[in-house]
Structure formats: C-alpha cells, structure tokens
Amino acid sequence: MNKEEATMIGFEIVAYAGEARSILVEALSKARNGEFDEAERLVGEANESLVDAHNVQTNMLAKEASGENIELGFIMVHGQDHLMTTLLLKEIVTDFIELYRRVGD
C-alpha cells in the first residue's frame, strides 16, 4: 500500500472518529439535561461510526500482517490518534451518563 492509499484510509478514520466524537459530545449534553434514553441512543449511533473506523483500521492491519508493505504518513497517525481518543471519550461519556442518571434519582 502506497502512502497516498494509506493517507486516504487515514482521512476515512478521521471522518468516522470525528463523527463519533461529535455525537458523543451531544450524548453527554442530553444526559446532563436528564434525557437518558436519547443519550444512550446517541452513544449507540456513535458506536456505529467507531465500528466503521475500526473496520477500516483492521483491514489495514490485516494487509500489513499478511506481508504487504504499508507506507504511513502523518495523516494516518492523526487518524489513529482521533480513533483512540474517541474510544476513550466513549468510555468516559458512558460513565458520565450513568453518573447523571444516579444523581437524578
């Protein structure tokens, strides 16, 4: 895989992770306002984008594991950064939703 192909995959991962991040921030806002069902629905929606990002990443990992040389650039690193921080955000938002729910009871 050449650098241009890896760059395009990096952009794809950034797009999916960025979409998930935006949805998770919205979910946190909904939970803060006591809209727990909507918050959980949004977390599920964000998770779909994260699965898409993970699938793209896994495809690239499988190619490298099978011996294909992959030329990485900074955009791919940026994509990985976005994905990992958004995965962490999902965990934090999920915990905050539960905390807001308990405080509201």
PDB file of N, CA and C in Angstrom:
ATOM      1  N   MET A   1       0.848  -1.172   0.000  1.00  0.00           N
ATOM      2  CA  MET A   1       0.000   0.000   0.000  1.00  0.00           C
ATOM      3  C   MET A   1       0.891   1.232   0.000  1.00  0.00           C
ATOM      4  N   ASN A   2       0.656   2.107  -0.965  1.00  0.00           N
ATOM      5  CA  ASN A   2       1.492   3.300  -1.032  1.00  0.00           C
ATOM      6  C   ASN A   2       0.996   4.372  -0.049  1.00  0.00           C
ATOM      7  N   LYS A   3       1.766   5.429   0.070  1.00  0.00           N
ATOM      8  CA  LYS A   3       1.469   6.470   1.046  1.00  0.00           C
ATOM      9  C   LYS A   3       0.141   7.161   0.752  1.00  0.00           C
ATOM     10  N   GLU A   4      -0.172   7.357  -0.513  1.00  0.00           N
ATOM     11  CA  GLU A   4      -1.428   8.011  -0.872  1.00  0.00           C
ATOM     12  C   GLU A   4      -2.637   7.173  -0.433  1.00  0.00           C
ATOM     13  N   GLU A   5      -2.564   5.863  -0.640  1.00  0.00           N
ATOM     14  CA  GLU A   5      -3.652   4.972  -0.210  1.00  0.00           C
ATOM     15  C   GLU A   5      -3.797   4.983   1.319  1.00  0.00           C
ATOM     16  N   ALA A   6      -2.668   4.945   2.005  1.00  0.00           N
ATOM     17  CA  ALA A   6      -2.696   4.984   3.470  1.00  0.00           C
ATOM     18  C   ALA A   6      -3.234   6.322   3.962  1.00  0.00           C
ATOM     19  N   THR A   7      -2.910   7.378   3.258  1.00  0.00           N
ATOM     20  CA  THR A   7      -3.415   8.701   3.623  1.00  0.00           C
ATOM     21  C   THR A   7      -4.933   8.749   3.492  1.00  0.00           C
ATOM     22  N   MET A   8      -5.458   8.193   2.432  1.00  0.00           N
ATOM     23  CA  MET A   8      -6.907   8.174   2.241  1.00  0.00           C
ATOM     24  C   MET A   8      -7.598   7.368   3.342  1.00  0.00           C
ATOM     25  N   ILE A   9      -6.981   6.283   3.744  1.00  0.00           N
ATOM     26  CA  ILE A   9      -7.533   5.496   4.850  1.00  0.00           C
ATOM     27  C   ILE A   9      -7.470   6.306   6.141  1.00  0.00           C
ATOM     28  N   GLY A  10      -6.384   7.039   6.325  1.00  0.00           N
ATOM     29  CA  GLY A  10      -6.266   7.915   7.494  1.00  0.00           C
ATOM     30  C   GLY A  10      -7.379   8.946   7.534  1.00  0.00           C
ATOM     31  N   PHE A  11      -7.687   9.553   6.392  1.00  0.00           N
ATOM     32  CA  PHE A  11      -8.791  10.516   6.323  1.00  0.00           C
ATOM     33  C   PHE A  11     -10.128   9.850   6.658  1.00  0.00           C
ATOM     34  N   GLU A  12     -10.291   8.625   6.191  1.00  0.00           N
ATOM     35  CA  GLU A  12     -11.523   7.893   6.468  1.00  0.00           C
ATOM     36  C   GLU A  12     -11.677   7.641   7.967  1.00  0.00           C
ATOM     37  N   ILE A  13     -10.597   7.247   8.611  1.00  0.00           N
ATOM     38  CA  ILE A  13     -10.630   7.011  10.055  1.00  0.00           C
ATOM     39  C   ILE A  13     -10.923   8.315  10.797  1.00  0.00           C
ATOM     40  N   VAL A  14     -10.300   9.412  10.372  1.00  0.00           N
ATOM     41  CA  VAL A  14     -10.562  10.719  10.992  1.00  0.00           C
ATOM     42  C   VAL A  14     -12.039  11.070  10.856  1.00  0.00           C
ATOM     43  N   ALA A  15     -12.609  10.842   9.684  1.00  0.00           N
ATOM     44  CA  ALA A  15     -14.018  11.187   9.455  1.00  0.00           C
ATOM     45  C   ALA A  15     -14.935  10.376  10.364  1.00  0.00           C
ATOM     46  N   TYR A  16     -14.738   9.078  10.411  1.00  0.00           N
ATOM     47  CA  TYR A  16     -15.583   8.237  11.265  1.00  0.00           C
ATOM     48  C   TYR A  16     -15.416   8.593  12.743  1.00  0.00           C
ATOM     49  N   ALA A  17     -14.184   8.742  13.181  1.00  0.00           N
ATOM     50  CA  ALA A  17     -13.925   9.061  14.588  1.00  0.00           C
ATOM     51  C   ALA A  17     -14.445  10.454  14.931  1.00  0.00           C
ATOM     52  N   GLY A  18     -14.286  11.399  14.014  1.00  0.00           N
ATOM     53  CA  GLY A  18     -14.781  12.759  14.250  1.00  0.00           C
ATOM     54  C   GLY A  18     -16.295  12.790  14.373  1.00  0.00           C
ATOM     55  N   GLU A  19     -16.961  12.032  13.519  1.00  0.00           N
ATOM     56  CA  GLU A  19     -18.416  11.938  13.600  1.00  0.00           C
ATOM     57  C   GLU A  19     -18.831  11.349  14.949  1.00  0.00           C
ATOM     58  N   ALA A  20     -18.165  10.283  15.358  1.00  0.00           N
ATOM     59  CA  ALA A  20     -18.471   9.657  16.645  1.00  0.00           C
ATOM     60  C   ALA A  20     -18.228  10.626  17.797  1.00  0.00           C
ATOM     61  N   ARG A  21     -17.148  11.377  17.721  1.00  0.00           N
ATOM     62  CA  ARG A  21     -16.824  12.335  18.791  1.00  0.00           C
ATOM     63  C   ARG A  21     -17.930  13.369  18.934  1.00  0.00           C
ATOM     64  N   SER A  22     -18.377  13.926  17.814  1.00  0.00           N
ATOM     65  CA  SER A  22     -19.445  14.929  17.852  1.00  0.00           C
ATOM     66  C   SER A  22     -20.721  14.361  18.453  1.00  0.00           C
ATOM     67  N   ILE A  23     -21.057  13.148  18.090  1.00  0.00           N
ATOM     68  CA  ILE A  23     -22.264  12.506  18.608  1.00  0.00           C
ATOM     69  C   ILE A  23     -22.127  12.245  20.106  1.00  0.00           C
ATOM     70  N   LEU A  24     -20.947  11.841  20.543  1.00  0.00           N
ATOM     71  CA  LEU A  24     -20.731  11.580  21.972  1.00  0.00           C
ATOM     72  C   LEU A  24     -20.854  12.850  22.804  1.00  0.00           C
ATOM     73  N   VAL A  25     -20.366  13.955  22.282  1.00  0.00           N
ATOM     74  CA  VAL A  25     -20.498  15.233  22.993  1.00  0.00           C
ATOM     75  C   VAL A  25     -21.979  15.595  23.105  1.00  0.00           C
ATOM     76  N   GLU A  26     -22.739  15.362  22.050  1.00  0.00           N
ATOM     77  CA  GLU A  26     -24.177  15.604  22.097  1.00  0.00           C
ATOM     78  C   GLU A  26     -24.847  14.683  23.111  1.00  0.00           C
ATOM     79  N   ALA A  27     -24.433  13.427  23.161  1.00  0.00           N
ATOM     80  CA  ALA A  27     -24.990  12.472  24.123  1.00  0.00           C
ATOM     81  C   ALA A  27     -24.746  12.938  25.556  1.00  0.00           C
ATOM     82  N   LEU A  28     -23.573  13.462  25.812  1.00  0.00           N
ATOM     83  CA  LEU A  28     -23.262  13.966  27.146  1.00  0.00           C
ATOM     84  C   LEU A  28     -24.169  15.136  27.512  1.00  0.00           C
ATOM     85  N   SER A  29     -24.417  15.997  26.563  1.00  0.00           N
ATOM     86  CA  SER A  29     -25.321  17.127  26.786  1.00  0.00           C
ATOM     87  C   SER A  29     -26.739  16.647  27.095  1.00  0.00           C
ATOM     88  N   LYS A  30     -27.191  15.644  26.367  1.00  0.00           N
ATOM     89  CA  LYS A  30     -28.530  15.090  26.615  1.00  0.00           C
ATOM     90  C   LYS A  30     -28.603  14.501  28.025  1.00  0.00           C
ATOM     91  N   ALA A  31     -27.587  13.773  28.422  1.00  0.00           N
ATOM     92  CA  ALA A  31     -27.573  13.180  29.760  1.00  0.00           C
ATOM     93  C   ALA A  31     -27.577  14.263  30.833  1.00  0.00           C
ATOM     94  N   ARG A  32     -26.829  15.313  30.605  1.00  0.00           N
ATOM     95  CA  ARG A  32     -26.770  16.423  31.555  1.00  0.00           C
ATOM     96  C   ARG A  32     -28.163  17.020  31.764  1.00  0.00           C
ATOM     97  N   ASN A  33     -28.993  16.981  30.713  1.00  0.00           N
ATOM     98  CA  ASN A  33     -30.352  17.510  30.785  1.00  0.00           C
ATOM     99  C   ASN A  33     -31.386  16.456  31.177  1.00  0.00           C
ATOM    100  N   GLY A  34     -30.916  15.258  31.566  1.00  0.00           N
ATOM    101  CA  GLY A  34     -31.817  14.217  32.019  1.00  0.00           C
ATOM    102  C   GLY A  34     -32.462  13.403  30.908  1.00  0.00           C
ATOM    103  N   GLU A  35     -32.023  13.578  29.674  1.00  0.00           N
ATOM    104  CA  GLU A  35     -32.578  12.851  28.530  1.00  0.00           C
ATOM    105  C   GLU A  35     -31.759  11.574  28.298  1.00  0.00           C
ATOM    106  N   PHE A  36     -31.924  10.622  29.204  1.00  0.00           N
ATOM    107  CA  PHE A  36     -31.064   9.446  29.217  1.00  0.00           C
ATOM    108  C   PHE A  36     -31.302   8.485  28.060  1.00  0.00           C
ATOM    109  N   ASP A  37     -32.551   8.302  27.669  1.00  0.00           N
ATOM    110  CA  ASP A  37     -32.822   7.417  26.535  1.00  0.00           C
ATOM    111  C   ASP A  37     -32.177   7.953  25.260  1.00  0.00           C
ATOM    112  N   GLU A  38     -32.295   9.257  25.061  1.00  0.00           N
ATOM    113  CA  GLU A  38     -31.687   9.882  23.875  1.00  0.00           C
ATOM    114  C   GLU A  38     -30.162   9.814  23.967  1.00  0.00           C
ATOM    115  N   ALA A  39     -29.624  10.022  25.154  1.00  0.00           N
ATOM    116  CA  ALA A  39     -28.172   9.945  25.339  1.00  0.00           C
ATOM    117  C   ALA A  39     -27.666   8.549  24.981  1.00  0.00           C
ATOM    118  N   GLU A  40     -28.362   7.540  25.440  1.00  0.00           N
ATOM    119  CA  GLU A  40     -27.942   6.165  25.145  1.00  0.00           C
ATOM    120  C   GLU A  40     -28.103   5.829  23.670  1.00  0.00           C
ATOM    121  N   ARG A  41     -29.148   6.358  23.046  1.00  0.00           N
ATOM    122  CA  ARG A  41     -29.327   6.148  21.612  1.00  0.00           C
ATOM    123  C   ARG A  41     -28.165   6.767  20.841  1.00  0.00           C
ATOM    124  N   LEU A  42     -27.762   7.953  21.268  1.00  0.00           N
ATOM    125  CA  LEU A  42     -26.650   8.633  20.605  1.00  0.00           C
ATOM    126  C   LEU A  42     -25.338   7.879  20.807  1.00  0.00           C
ATOM    127  N   VAL A  43     -25.123   7.322  21.977  1.00  0.00           N
ATOM    128  CA  VAL A  43     -23.915   6.517  22.202  1.00  0.00           C
ATOM    129  C   VAL A  43     -23.909   5.328  21.245  1.00  0.00           C
ATOM    130  N   GLY A  44     -25.061   4.715  21.049  1.00  0.00           N
ATOM    131  CA  GLY A  44     -25.161   3.616  20.085  1.00  0.00           C
ATOM    132  C   GLY A  44     -24.845   4.069  18.675  1.00  0.00           C
ATOM    133  N   GLU A  45     -25.334   5.247  18.307  1.00  0.00           N
ATOM    134  CA  GLU A  45     -25.041   5.805  16.983  1.00  0.00           C
ATOM    135  C   GLU A  45     -23.547   6.085  16.827  1.00  0.00           C
ATOM    136  N   ALA A  46     -22.954   6.657  17.859  1.00  0.00           N
ATOM    137  CA  ALA A  46     -21.514   6.915  17.826  1.00  0.00           C
ATOM    138  C   ALA A  46     -20.739   5.619  17.701  1.00  0.00           C
ATOM    139  N   ASN A  47     -21.221   4.592  18.387  1.00  0.00           N
ATOM    140  CA  ASN A  47     -20.544   3.303  18.331  1.00  0.00           C
ATOM    141  C   ASN A  47     -20.525   2.742  16.912  1.00  0.00           C
ATOM    142  N   GLU A  48     -21.588   2.968  16.152  1.00  0.00           N
ATOM    143  CA  GLU A  48     -21.622   2.517  14.757  1.00  0.00           C
ATOM    144  C   GLU A  48     -20.494   3.159  13.952  1.00  0.00           C
ATOM    145  N   SER A  49     -20.267   4.446  14.161  1.00  0.00           N
ATOM    146  CA  SER A  49     -19.161   5.125  13.466  1.00  0.00           C
ATOM    147  C   SER A  49     -17.816   4.585  13.928  1.00  0.00           C
ATOM    148  N   LEU A  50     -17.707   4.290  15.214  1.00  0.00           N
ATOM    149  CA  LEU A  50     -16.457   3.730  15.731  1.00  0.00           C
ATOM    150  C   LEU A  50     -16.197   2.344  15.166  1.00  0.00           C
ATOM    151  N   VAL A  51     -17.235   1.561  14.987  1.00  0.00           N
ATOM    152  CA  VAL A  51     -17.084   0.237  14.378  1.00  0.00           C
ATOM    153  C   VAL A  51     -16.605   0.397  12.935  1.00  0.00           C
ATOM    154  N   ASP A  52     -17.164   1.369  12.220  1.00  0.00           N
ATOM    155  CA  ASP A  52     -16.718   1.621  10.844  1.00  0.00           C
ATOM    156  C   ASP A  52     -15.235   1.992  10.824  1.00  0.00           C
ATOM    157  N   ALA A  53     -14.822   2.869  11.733  1.00  0.00           N
ATOM    158  CA  ALA A  53     -13.411   3.257  11.808  1.00  0.00           C
ATOM    159  C   ALA A  53     -12.543   2.060  12.147  1.00  0.00           C
ATOM    160  N   HIS A  54     -12.987   1.264  13.086  1.00  0.00           N
ATOM    161  CA  HIS A  54     -12.227   0.085  13.497  1.00  0.00           C
ATOM    162  C   HIS A  54     -12.099  -0.910  12.350  1.00  0.00           C
ATOM    163  N   ASN A  55     -13.160  -1.075  11.570  1.00  0.00           N
ATOM    164  CA  ASN A  55     -13.110  -1.989  10.430  1.00  0.00           C
ATOM    165  C   ASN A  55     -12.089  -1.536   9.390  1.00  0.00           C
ATOM    166  N   VAL A  56     -12.037  -0.236   9.139  1.00  0.00           N
ATOM    167  CA  VAL A  56     -11.043   0.301   8.203  1.00  0.00           C
ATOM    168  C   VAL A  56      -9.636   0.039   8.742  1.00  0.00           C
ATOM    169  N   GLN A  57      -9.453   0.300  10.032  1.00  0.00           N
ATOM    170  CA  GLN A  57      -8.157   0.082  10.673  1.00  0.00           C
ATOM    171  C   GLN A  57      -7.774  -1.399  10.622  1.00  0.00           C
ATOM    172  N   THR A  58      -8.709  -2.276  10.922  1.00  0.00           N
ATOM    173  CA  THR A  58      -8.441  -3.712  10.931  1.00  0.00           C
ATOM    174  C   THR A  58      -8.060  -4.217   9.549  1.00  0.00           C
ATOM    175  N   ASN A  59      -8.711  -3.685   8.536  1.00  0.00           N
ATOM    176  CA  ASN A  59      -8.379  -4.059   7.162  1.00  0.00           C
ATOM    177  C   ASN A  59      -6.919  -3.717   6.846  1.00  0.00           C
ATOM    178  N   MET A  60      -6.502  -2.546   7.274  1.00  0.00           N
ATOM    179  CA  MET A  60      -5.114  -2.133   7.045  1.00  0.00           C
ATOM    180  C   MET A  60      -4.152  -3.016   7.839  1.00  0.00           C
ATOM    181  N   LEU A  61      -4.496  -3.318   9.077  1.00  0.00           N
ATOM    182  CA  LEU A  61      -3.650  -4.181   9.902  1.00  0.00           C
ATOM    183  C   LEU A  61      -3.523  -5.572   9.292  1.00  0.00           C
ATOM    184  N   ALA A  62      -4.614  -6.077   8.746  1.00  0.00           N
ATOM    185  CA  ALA A  62      -4.587  -7.402   8.122  1.00  0.00           C
ATOM    186  C   ALA A  62      -3.666  -7.412   6.903  1.00  0.00           C
ATOM    187  N   LYS A  63      -3.687  -6.340   6.139  1.00  0.00           N
ATOM    188  CA  LYS A  63      -2.811  -6.255   4.972  1.00  0.00           C
ATOM    189  C   LYS A  63      -1.343  -6.273   5.407  1.00  0.00           C
ATOM    190  N   GLU A  64      -1.042  -5.505   6.439  1.00  0.00           N
ATOM    191  CA  GLU A  64       0.342  -5.483   6.918  1.00  0.00           C
ATOM    192  C   GLU A  64       0.735  -6.841   7.492  1.00  0.00           C
ATOM    193  N   ALA A  65      -0.173  -7.457   8.230  1.00  0.00           N
ATOM    194  CA  ALA A  65       0.121  -8.769   8.816  1.00  0.00           C
ATOM    195  C   ALA A  65       0.351  -9.834   7.754  1.00  0.00           C
ATOM    196  N   SER A  66      -0.265  -9.661   6.585  1.00  0.00           N
ATOM    197  CA  SER A  66      -0.085 -10.634   5.502  1.00  0.00           C
ATOM    198  C   SER A  66       1.177 -10.368   4.695  1.00  0.00           C
ATOM    199  N   GLY A  67       1.939  -9.352   5.099  1.00  0.00           N
ATOM    200  CA  GLY A  67       3.221  -9.093   4.459  1.00  0.00           C
ATOM    201  C   GLY A  67       3.258  -7.901   3.532  1.00  0.00           C
ATOM    202  N   GLU A  68       2.123  -7.243   3.356  1.00  0.00           N
ATOM    203  CA  GLU A  68       2.110  -6.075   2.481  1.00  0.00           C
ATOM    204  C   GLU A  68       2.822  -4.907   3.156  1.00  0.00           C
ATOM    205  N   ASN A  69       3.682  -4.247   2.414  1.00  0.00           N
ATOM    206  CA  ASN A  69       4.375  -3.071   2.920  1.00  0.00           C
ATOM    207  C   ASN A  69       3.420  -1.883   2.899  1.00  0.00           C
ATOM    208  N   ILE A  70       3.356  -1.167   4.003  1.00  0.00           N
ATOM    209  CA  ILE A  70       2.460  -0.021   4.103  1.00  0.00           C
ATOM    210  C   ILE A  70       3.296   1.214   4.428  1.00  0.00           C
ATOM    211  N   GLU A  71       3.183   2.209   3.556  1.00  0.00           N
ATOM    212  CA  GLU A  71       3.893   3.474   3.764  1.00  0.00           C
ATOM    213  C   GLU A  71       2.980   4.426   4.526  1.00  0.00           C
ATOM    214  N   LEU A  72       3.319   4.699   5.761  1.00  0.00           N
ATOM    215  CA  LEU A  72       2.490   5.555   6.594  1.00  0.00           C
ATOM    216  C   LEU A  72       2.983   6.986   6.583  1.00  0.00           C
ATOM    217  N   GLY A  73       2.044   7.889   6.705  1.00  0.00           N
ATOM    218  CA  GLY A  73       2.350   9.307   6.829  1.00  0.00           C
ATOM    219  C   GLY A  73       1.673   9.861   8.065  1.00  0.00           C
ATOM    220  N   PHE A  74       1.835  11.141   8.256  1.00  0.00           N
ATOM    221  CA  PHE A  74       1.309  11.786   9.455  1.00  0.00           C
ATOM    222  C   PHE A  74      -0.214  11.728   9.517  1.00  0.00           C
ATOM    223  N   ILE A  75      -0.894  11.767   8.390  1.00  0.00           N
ATOM    224  CA  ILE A  75      -2.364  11.739   8.408  1.00  0.00           C
ATOM    225  C   ILE A  75      -2.871  10.424   8.981  1.00  0.00           C
ATOM    226  N   MET A  76      -2.206   9.336   8.667  1.00  0.00           N
ATOM    227  CA  MET A  76      -2.615   8.056   9.240  1.00  0.00           C
ATOM    228  C   MET A  76      -2.391   8.063  10.752  1.00  0.00           C
ATOM    229  N   VAL A  77      -1.295   8.629  11.192  1.00  0.00           N
ATOM    230  CA  VAL A  77      -1.036   8.755  12.628  1.00  0.00           C
ATOM    231  C   VAL A  77      -2.121   9.618  13.267  1.00  0.00           C
ATOM    232  N   HIS A  78      -2.490  10.697  12.603  1.00  0.00           N
ATOM    233  CA  HIS A  78      -3.548  11.585  13.074  1.00  0.00           C
ATOM    234  C   HIS A  78      -4.870  10.815  13.187  1.00  0.00           C
ATOM    235  N   GLY A  79      -5.165   9.989  12.206  1.00  0.00           N
ATOM    236  CA  GLY A  79      -6.374   9.176  12.240  1.00  0.00           C
ATOM    237  C   GLY A  79      -6.382   8.234  13.426  1.00  0.00           C
ATOM    238  N   GLN A  80      -5.251   7.598  13.676  1.00  0.00           N
ATOM    239  CA  GLN A  80      -5.151   6.693  14.826  1.00  0.00           C
ATOM    240  C   GLN A  80      -5.351   7.455  16.130  1.00  0.00           C
ATOM    241  N   ASP A  81      -4.798   8.653  16.210  1.00  0.00           N
ATOM    242  CA  ASP A  81      -4.955   9.488  17.395  1.00  0.00           C
ATOM    243  C   ASP A  81      -6.430   9.818  17.612  1.00  0.00           C
ATOM    244  N   HIS A  82      -7.108  10.225  16.546  1.00  0.00           N
ATOM    245  CA  HIS A  82      -8.533  10.527  16.646  1.00  0.00           C
ATOM    246  C   HIS A  82      -9.327   9.313  17.108  1.00  0.00           C
ATOM    247  N   LEU A  83      -9.031   8.172  16.536  1.00  0.00           N
ATOM    248  CA  LEU A  83      -9.764   6.967  16.889  1.00  0.00           C
ATOM    249  C   LEU A  83      -9.554   6.607  18.361  1.00  0.00           C
ATOM    250  N   MET A  84      -8.332   6.605  18.807  1.00  0.00           N
ATOM    251  CA  MET A  84      -8.056   6.203  20.183  1.00  0.00           C
ATOM    252  C   MET A  84      -8.645   7.189  21.192  1.00  0.00           C
ATOM    253  N   THR A  85      -8.546   8.478  20.930  1.00  0.00           N
ATOM    254  CA  THR A  85      -9.110   9.445  21.883  1.00  0.00           C
ATOM    255  C   THR A  85     -10.634   9.381  21.886  1.00  0.00           C
ATOM    256  N   THR A  86     -11.237   9.081  20.753  1.00  0.00           N
ATOM    257  CA  THR A  86     -12.688   8.966  20.703  1.00  0.00           C
ATOM    258  C   THR A  86     -13.159   7.705  21.408  1.00  0.00           C
ATOM    259  N   LEU A  87     -12.407   6.627  21.302  1.00  0.00           N
ATOM    260  CA  LEU A  87     -12.741   5.418  22.058  1.00  0.00           C
ATOM    261  C   LEU A  87     -12.700   5.702  23.558  1.00  0.00           C
ATOM    262  N   LEU A  88     -11.709   6.454  23.988  1.00  0.00           N
ATOM    263  CA  LEU A  88     -11.622   6.834  25.396  1.00  0.00           C
ATOM    264  C   LEU A  88     -12.797   7.733  25.779  1.00  0.00           C
ATOM    265  N   LEU A  89     -13.125   8.685  24.908  1.00  0.00           N
ATOM    266  CA  LEU A  89     -14.259   9.570  25.173  1.00  0.00           C
ATOM    267  C   LEU A  89     -15.547   8.770  25.333  1.00  0.00           C
ATOM    268  N   LYS A  90     -15.724   7.755  24.520  1.00  0.00           N
ATOM    269  CA  LYS A  90     -16.927   6.920  24.624  1.00  0.00           C
ATOM    270  C   LYS A  90     -17.031   6.295  26.012  1.00  0.00           C
ATOM    271  N   GLU A  91     -15.931   5.787  26.526  1.00  0.00           N
ATOM    272  CA  GLU A  91     -15.940   5.196  27.865  1.00  0.00           C
ATOM    273  C   GLU A  91     -16.298   6.236  28.924  1.00  0.00           C
ATOM    274  N   ILE A  92     -15.721   7.414  28.793  1.00  0.00           N
ATOM    275  CA  ILE A  92     -15.971   8.476  29.771  1.00  0.00           C
ATOM    276  C   ILE A  92     -17.424   8.946  29.694  1.00  0.00           C
ATOM    277  N   VAL A  93     -17.930   9.163  28.478  1.00  0.00           N
ATOM    278  CA  VAL A  93     -19.311   9.606  28.314  1.00  0.00           C
ATOM    279  C   VAL A  93     -20.275   8.566  28.869  1.00  0.00           C
ATOM    280  N   THR A  94     -20.009   7.303  28.607  1.00  0.00           N
ATOM    281  CA  THR A  94     -20.866   6.236  29.125  1.00  0.00           C
ATOM    282  C   THR A  94     -20.901   6.279  30.651  1.00  0.00           C
ATOM    283  N   ASP A  95     -19.767   6.491  31.277  1.00  0.00           N
ATOM    284  CA  ASP A  95     -19.717   6.592  32.737  1.00  0.00           C
ATOM    285  C   ASP A  95     -20.462   7.832  33.229  1.00  0.00           C
ATOM    286  N   PHE A  96     -20.301   8.948  32.539  1.00  0.00           N
ATOM    287  CA  PHE A  96     -20.994  10.175  32.948  1.00  0.00           C
ATOM    288  C   PHE A  96     -22.506  10.027  32.809  1.00  0.00           C
ATOM    289  N   ILE A  97     -22.957   9.354  31.771  1.00  0.00           N
ATOM    290  CA  ILE A  97     -24.398   9.133  31.630  1.00  0.00           C
ATOM    291  C   ILE A  97     -24.924   8.385  32.846  1.00  0.00           C
ATOM    292  N   GLU A  98     -24.215   7.363  33.245  1.00  0.00           N
ATOM    293  CA  GLU A  98     -24.624   6.593  34.427  1.00  0.00           C
ATOM    294  C   GLU A  98     -24.577   7.455  35.692  1.00  0.00           C
ATOM    295  N   LEU A  99     -23.561   8.275  35.828  1.00  0.00           N
ATOM    296  CA  LEU A  99     -23.467   9.156  36.997  1.00  0.00           C
ATOM    297  C   LEU A  99     -24.609  10.161  37.024  1.00  0.00           C
ATOM    298  N   TYR A 100     -24.896  10.779  35.872  1.00  0.00           N
ATOM    299  CA  TYR A 100     -26.012  11.726  35.807  1.00  0.00           C
ATOM    300  C   TYR A 100     -27.328  11.034  36.152  1.00  0.00           C
ATOM    301  N   ARG A 101     -27.483   9.812  35.697  1.00  0.00           N
ATOM    302  CA  ARG A 101     -28.696   9.057  35.979  1.00  0.00           C
ATOM    303  C   ARG A 101     -28.837   8.821  37.498  1.00  0.00           C
ATOM    304  N   ARG A 102     -27.748   8.447  38.140  1.00  0.00           N
ATOM    305  CA  ARG A 102     -27.786   8.180  39.582  1.00  0.00           C
ATOM    306  C   ARG A 102     -28.037   9.444  40.394  1.00  0.00           C
ATOM    307  N   VAL A 103     -27.426  10.535  39.966  1.00  0.00           N
ATOM    308  CA  VAL A 103     -27.608  11.803  40.677  1.00  0.00           C
ATOM    309  C   VAL A 103     -29.062  12.278  40.539  1.00  0.00           C
ATOM    310  N   GLY A 104     -29.662  11.991  39.391  1.00  0.00           N
ATOM    311  CA  GLY A 104     -31.037  12.412  39.150  1.00  0.00           C
ATOM    312  C   GLY A 104     -32.071  11.593  39.890  1.00  0.00           C
ATOM    313  N   ASP A 105     -31.686  10.424  40.360  1.00  0.00           N
ATOM    314  CA  ASP A 105     -32.656   9.557  41.071  1.00  0.00           C
ATOM    315  C   ASP A 105     -32.901  10.002  42.485  1.00  0.00           C
TER     316      ASP A 105
END
